Amino acid sequence: MKKIADIKAEMGFTTAGPRCGTCKHFTIEKETVEIWSTRICTIDKNWRCGIGGFIVAKSGYCNYYERQ
């Protein structure tokens, strides 16, 4: 029986493809929040398409994709 990694390699499977998260039109807001007055964290929020203005996921894709 073949290993999953071998099957993926034969198929040319890759997770590195055109996605909203790597598009130059992808916009995101970063918010800094304080937790328990001892930790400061940065949260990514309001992921949007800069062309259409709608909410997107980082793994989305459209015909207007342009690499950053």
Protein backbone atom coordinates (compact mmCIF):
# COMPACT_ATOMS: atom_id res chain seq x y z
CA MET A 1 0.00 0.00 0.00
CA LYS A 2 1.31 3.45 -0.93
CA LYS A 3 1.92 6.20 1.56
CA ILE A 4 -0.25 9.31 1.34
CA ALA A 5 2.82 11.47 0.67
CA ASP A 6 3.73 9.29 -2.34
CA ILE A 7 0.19 9.48 -3.74
CA LYS A 8 0.16 13.29 -3.37
CA ALA A 9 3.54 13.55 -5.10
CA GLU A 10 2.32 11.41 -8.03
CA MET A 11 -0.76 13.61 -8.40
CA GLY A 12 1.23 16.85 -8.19
CA PHE A 13 -0.83 17.95 -5.20
CA THR A 14 0.24 21.22 -3.61
CA THR A 15 -1.19 23.59 -1.04
CA ALA A 16 0.77 26.51 -2.53
CA GLY A 17 -1.59 27.91 -5.11
CA PRO A 18 -3.36 31.16 -5.87
CA ARG A 19 -5.36 32.13 -2.80
CA CYS A 20 -6.88 35.31 -1.42
CA GLY A 21 -4.35 35.29 1.43
CA THR A 22 -1.49 35.82 -1.05
CA CYS A 23 -3.32 38.21 -3.39
CA LYS A 24 -2.31 41.87 -3.54
CA HIS A 25 -6.00 42.87 -3.30
CA PHE A 26 -6.50 41.03 0.02
CA THR A 27 -7.02 43.46 2.90
CA ILE A 28 -6.94 42.70 6.60
CA GLU A 29 -7.21 44.68 9.80
CA LYS A 30 -4.99 43.92 12.76
CA GLU A 31 -6.21 44.68 16.25
CA THR A 32 -4.04 44.62 19.35
CA VAL A 33 -5.83 43.41 22.46
CA GLU A 34 -4.72 43.11 26.05
CA ILE A 35 -5.45 39.86 27.85
CA TRP A 36 -5.37 39.73 31.64
CA SER A 37 -3.28 42.92 31.71
CA THR A 38 -0.14 40.82 31.23
CA ARG A 39 -0.36 39.65 27.61
CA ILE A 40 -0.83 41.60 24.42
CA CYS A 41 -2.02 39.76 21.32
CA THR A 42 -2.62 40.79 17.74
CA ILE A 43 -5.82 39.55 16.11
CA ASP A 44 -6.44 39.47 12.35
CA LYS A 45 -9.96 40.54 11.51
CA ASN A 46 -12.14 41.92 8.72
CA TRP A 47 -10.62 39.89 5.87
CA ARG A 48 -11.89 41.47 2.65
CA CYS A 49 -11.39 41.57 -1.08
CA GLY A 50 -9.97 44.97 -2.00
CA ILE A 51 -11.75 44.90 -5.36
CA GLY A 52 -15.25 43.71 -4.43
CA GLY A 53 -15.24 44.75 -0.77
CA PHE A 54 -16.82 41.47 0.37
CA ILE A 55 -15.63 39.14 3.13
CA VAL A 56 -13.25 36.39 2.01
CA ALA A 57 -11.32 33.48 3.49
CA LYS A 58 -7.57 33.27 3.01
CA SER A 59 -8.09 30.09 0.99
CA GLY A 60 -10.48 31.68 -1.53
CA TYR A 61 -9.64 32.45 -5.15
CA CYS A 62 -11.06 34.45 -8.07
CA ASN A 63 -10.20 35.48 -11.63
CA TYR A 64 -8.71 38.80 -10.46
CA TYR A 65 -5.94 37.15 -8.42
CA GLU A 66 -2.59 38.93 -8.53
CA ARG A 67 0.38 37.75 -6.50
CA GLN A 68 1.75 40.26 -3.96
